[in-house]
Amino acid sequence: QNLSISKSVIFLSLSLAHHQSTDLTFFQEVAFDIHYNMEDIDPDENVVGSPKFSIITQEVARYIVPNLISNLDLVMDEIECLINYTKANTSIPPELISVVKDADKFTLEQGLCS
């Protein structure tokens, strides 16, 4: 029961952090706690530091890794979309962008980010 509650809290936190500007810091802290609890792949390496979240235990860490990766994948998709949008704005002459209606801008953004 504690495992399911812990997983739910972590998944909720990851989902909420995805919509905030501090999501990368949060992901970094969660990733460190996972690394700390699961230890390093190299047995000669010791993880230095102390965990921030006591809810992340070894058992919970095994289950939240896939969710953390999928949330990071969403962040990477948003970054890629932003880069594509920036590239498109720099390659389209400004006089053409100013005459495009809002609905057309939305269509352009959707095309770039899909």
C-alpha atoms as a PDB file:
ATOM      1  CA  GLN A   1       0.000   0.000   0.000  1.00  0.00           C
ATOM      2  CA  ASN A   2       2.827   2.429   0.789  1.00  0.00           C
ATOM      3  CA  LEU A   3       4.349   1.670  -2.609  1.00  0.00           C
ATOM      4  CA  SER A   4       1.160   2.556  -4.483  1.00  0.00           C
ATOM      5  CA  ILE A   5       0.716   5.780  -2.499  1.00  0.00           C
ATOM      6  CA  SER A   6       4.354   6.722  -3.080  1.00  0.00           C
ATOM      7  CA  LYS A   7       4.072   6.035  -6.811  1.00  0.00           C
ATOM      8  CA  SER A   8       0.894   8.107  -7.029  1.00  0.00           C
ATOM      9  CA  VAL A   9       2.471  11.056  -5.223  1.00  0.00           C
ATOM     10  CA  ILE A  10       5.591  10.935  -7.413  1.00  0.00           C
ATOM     11  CA  PHE A  11       3.560  10.636 -10.639  1.00  0.00           C
ATOM     12  CA  LEU A  12       1.370  13.563  -9.583  1.00  0.00           C
ATOM     13  CA  SER A  13       4.441  15.618  -8.707  1.00  0.00           C
ATOM     14  CA  LEU A  14       6.049  14.855 -12.063  1.00  0.00           C
ATOM     15  CA  SER A  15       2.870  15.782 -13.915  1.00  0.00           C
ATOM     16  CA  LEU A  16       2.488  19.047 -12.005  1.00  0.00           C
ATOM     17  CA  ALA A  17       6.175  19.907 -12.348  1.00  0.00           C
ATOM     18  CA  HIS A  18       5.891  19.459 -16.101  1.00  0.00           C
ATOM     19  CA  HIS A  19       3.577  22.479 -16.204  1.00  0.00           C
ATOM     20  CA  GLN A  20       5.833  24.696 -14.074  1.00  0.00           C
ATOM     21  CA  SER A  21       9.005  26.535 -14.951  1.00  0.00           C
ATOM     22  CA  THR A  22      10.986  24.590 -12.335  1.00  0.00           C
ATOM     23  CA  ASP A  23      10.385  21.162 -13.844  1.00  0.00           C
ATOM     24  CA  LEU A  24      14.011  20.560 -14.880  1.00  0.00           C
ATOM     25  CA  THR A  25      15.273  21.287 -11.367  1.00  0.00           C
ATOM     26  CA  PHE A  26      12.655  18.959  -9.949  1.00  0.00           C
ATOM     27  CA  PHE A  27      13.579  16.224 -12.449  1.00  0.00           C
ATOM     28  CA  GLN A  28      17.232  16.626 -11.497  1.00  0.00           C
ATOM     29  CA  GLU A  29      16.438  16.246  -7.797  1.00  0.00           C
ATOM     30  CA  VAL A  30      14.248  13.197  -8.411  1.00  0.00           C
ATOM     31  CA  ALA A  31      16.919  11.669 -10.668  1.00  0.00           C
ATOM     32  CA  PHE A  32      19.558  12.170  -7.965  1.00  0.00           C
ATOM     33  CA  ASP A  33      17.346  10.497  -5.353  1.00  0.00           C
ATOM     34  CA  ILE A  34      16.753   7.567  -7.709  1.00  0.00           C
ATOM     35  CA  HIS A  35      20.493   7.308  -8.351  1.00  0.00           C
ATOM     36  CA  TYR A  36      21.189   7.524  -4.620  1.00  0.00           C
ATOM     37  CA  ASN A  37      18.681   4.788  -3.743  1.00  0.00           C
ATOM     38  CA  MET A  38      19.510   2.439  -6.606  1.00  0.00           C
ATOM     39  CA  GLU A  39      23.266   3.087  -6.350  1.00  0.00           C
ATOM     40  CA  ASP A  40      25.645   3.446  -9.259  1.00  0.00           C
ATOM     41  CA  ILE A  41      26.145   0.818 -11.962  1.00  0.00           C
ATOM     42  CA  ASP A  42      29.862   0.900 -11.232  1.00  0.00           C
ATOM     43  CA  PRO A  43      30.396  -0.802  -7.850  1.00  0.00           C
ATOM     44  CA  ASP A  44      33.553   1.259  -7.267  1.00  0.00           C
ATOM     45  CA  GLU A  45      31.614   4.538  -7.450  1.00  0.00           C
ATOM     46  CA  ASN A  46      29.830   5.962  -4.431  1.00  0.00           C
ATOM     47  CA  VAL A  47      26.937   8.377  -4.804  1.00  0.00           C
ATOM     48  CA  VAL A  48      27.916  11.519  -2.903  1.00  0.00           C
ATOM     49  CA  GLY A  49      25.214  13.614  -1.278  1.00  0.00           C
ATOM     50  CA  SER A  50      21.975  13.009   0.524  1.00  0.00           C
ATOM     51  CA  PRO A  51      18.508  12.429  -0.911  1.00  0.00           C
ATOM     52  CA  LYS A  52      16.003  15.270  -0.846  1.00  0.00           C
ATOM     53  CA  PHE A  53      12.754  13.293  -0.967  1.00  0.00           C
ATOM     54  CA  SER A  54      12.226  10.599   1.661  1.00  0.00           C
ATOM     55  CA  ILE A  55       9.305   9.203  -0.328  1.00  0.00           C
ATOM     56  CA  ILE A  56      11.718   7.865  -2.976  1.00  0.00           C
ATOM     57  CA  THR A  57      12.963   4.519  -1.702  1.00  0.00           C
ATOM     58  CA  GLN A  58      14.666   1.687  -3.592  1.00  0.00           C
ATOM     59  CA  GLU A  59      11.339   0.027  -4.261  1.00  0.00           C
ATOM     60  CA  VAL A  60       9.646   3.222  -5.438  1.00  0.00           C
ATOM     61  CA  ALA A  61      12.658   4.205  -7.556  1.00  0.00           C
ATOM     62  CA  ARG A  62      12.317   1.074  -9.707  1.00  0.00           C
ATOM     63  CA  TYR A  63       8.767   2.018 -10.612  1.00  0.00           C
ATOM     64  CA  ILE A  64       9.181   5.729 -11.246  1.00  0.00           C
ATOM     65  CA  VAL A  65      12.131   5.545 -13.651  1.00  0.00           C
ATOM     66  CA  PRO A  66       9.930   4.855 -16.727  1.00  0.00           C
ATOM     67  CA  ASN A  67       7.602   7.722 -15.779  1.00  0.00           C
ATOM     68  CA  LEU A  68      10.505  10.099 -15.244  1.00  0.00           C
ATOM     69  CA  ILE A  69      11.879   9.191 -18.668  1.00  0.00           C
ATOM     70  CA  SER A  70       8.500   9.763 -20.335  1.00  0.00           C
ATOM     71  CA  ASN A  71       8.179  13.178 -18.648  1.00  0.00           C
ATOM     72  CA  LEU A  72      11.660  14.134 -19.810  1.00  0.00           C
ATOM     73  CA  ASP A  73      10.643  12.993 -23.284  1.00  0.00           C
ATOM     74  CA  LEU A  74       7.732  15.466 -23.158  1.00  0.00           C
ATOM     75  CA  VAL A  75      10.110  18.262 -22.149  1.00  0.00           C
ATOM     76  CA  MET A  76      12.438  17.360 -25.022  1.00  0.00           C
ATOM     77  CA  ASP A  77       9.474  17.429 -27.449  1.00  0.00           C
ATOM     78  CA  GLU A  78       8.536  20.914 -26.239  1.00  0.00           C
ATOM     79  CA  ILE A  79      12.115  22.111 -26.636  1.00  0.00           C
ATOM     80  CA  GLU A  80      12.248  20.667 -30.150  1.00  0.00           C
ATOM     81  CA  CYS A  81       8.969  22.404 -30.983  1.00  0.00           C
ATOM     82  CA  LEU A  82      10.319  25.706 -29.680  1.00  0.00           C
ATOM     83  CA  ILE A  83      13.509  25.330 -31.729  1.00  0.00           C
ATOM     84  CA  ASN A  84      11.504  24.537 -34.878  1.00  0.00           C
ATOM     85  CA  TYR A  85       9.222  27.510 -34.253  1.00  0.00           C
ATOM     86  CA  THR A  86      12.219  29.796 -33.741  1.00  0.00           C
ATOM     87  CA  LYS A  87      13.850  28.524 -36.927  1.00  0.00           C
ATOM     88  CA  ALA A  88      10.618  29.064 -38.854  1.00  0.00           C
ATOM     89  CA  ASN A  89      10.258  32.613 -37.536  1.00  0.00           C
ATOM     90  CA  THR A  90      13.795  33.487 -38.558  1.00  0.00           C
ATOM     91  CA  SER A  91      13.407  31.991 -42.020  1.00  0.00           C
ATOM     92  CA  ILE A  92      10.028  33.606 -42.833  1.00  0.00           C
ATOM     93  CA  PRO A  93      10.262  37.274 -43.795  1.00  0.00           C
ATOM     94  CA  PRO A  94       8.663  39.526 -41.130  1.00  0.00           C
ATOM     95  CA  GLU A  95       6.324  41.164 -43.641  1.00  0.00           C
ATOM     96  CA  LEU A  96       4.704  37.786 -44.335  1.00  0.00           C
ATOM     97  CA  ILE A  97       4.260  36.990 -40.637  1.00  0.00           C
ATOM     98  CA  SER A  98       2.471  40.288 -39.969  1.00  0.00           C
ATOM     99  CA  VAL A  99      -0.229  39.593 -42.584  1.00  0.00           C
ATOM    100  CA  VAL A 100      -0.952  36.062 -41.377  1.00  0.00           C
ATOM    101  CA  LYS A 101      -4.187  35.821 -39.383  1.00  0.00           C
ATOM    102  CA  ASP A 102      -4.203  34.354 -35.866  1.00  0.00           C
ATOM    103  CA  ALA A 103      -5.922  31.159 -37.030  1.00  0.00           C
ATOM    104  CA  ASP A 104      -3.229  30.687 -39.677  1.00  0.00           C
ATOM    105  CA  LYS A 105      -0.506  31.271 -37.066  1.00  0.00           C
ATOM    106  CA  PHE A 106      -2.044  28.527 -34.946  1.00  0.00           C
ATOM    107  CA  THR A 107      -2.046  26.175 -37.947  1.00  0.00           C
ATOM    108  CA  LEU A 108       1.590  27.056 -38.647  1.00  0.00           C
ATOM    109  CA  GLU A 109       2.547  26.365 -35.015  1.00  0.00           C
ATOM    110  CA  GLN A 110       0.686  23.047 -35.027  1.00  0.00           C
ATOM    111  CA  GLY A 111       2.455  22.011 -38.227  1.00  0.00           C
ATOM    112  CA  LEU A 112       5.850  22.852 -36.782  1.00  0.00           C
ATOM    113  CA  CYS A 113       5.280  21.021 -33.508  1.00  0.00           C
ATOM    114  CA  SER A 114       3.777  17.818 -34.854  1.00  0.00           C
END
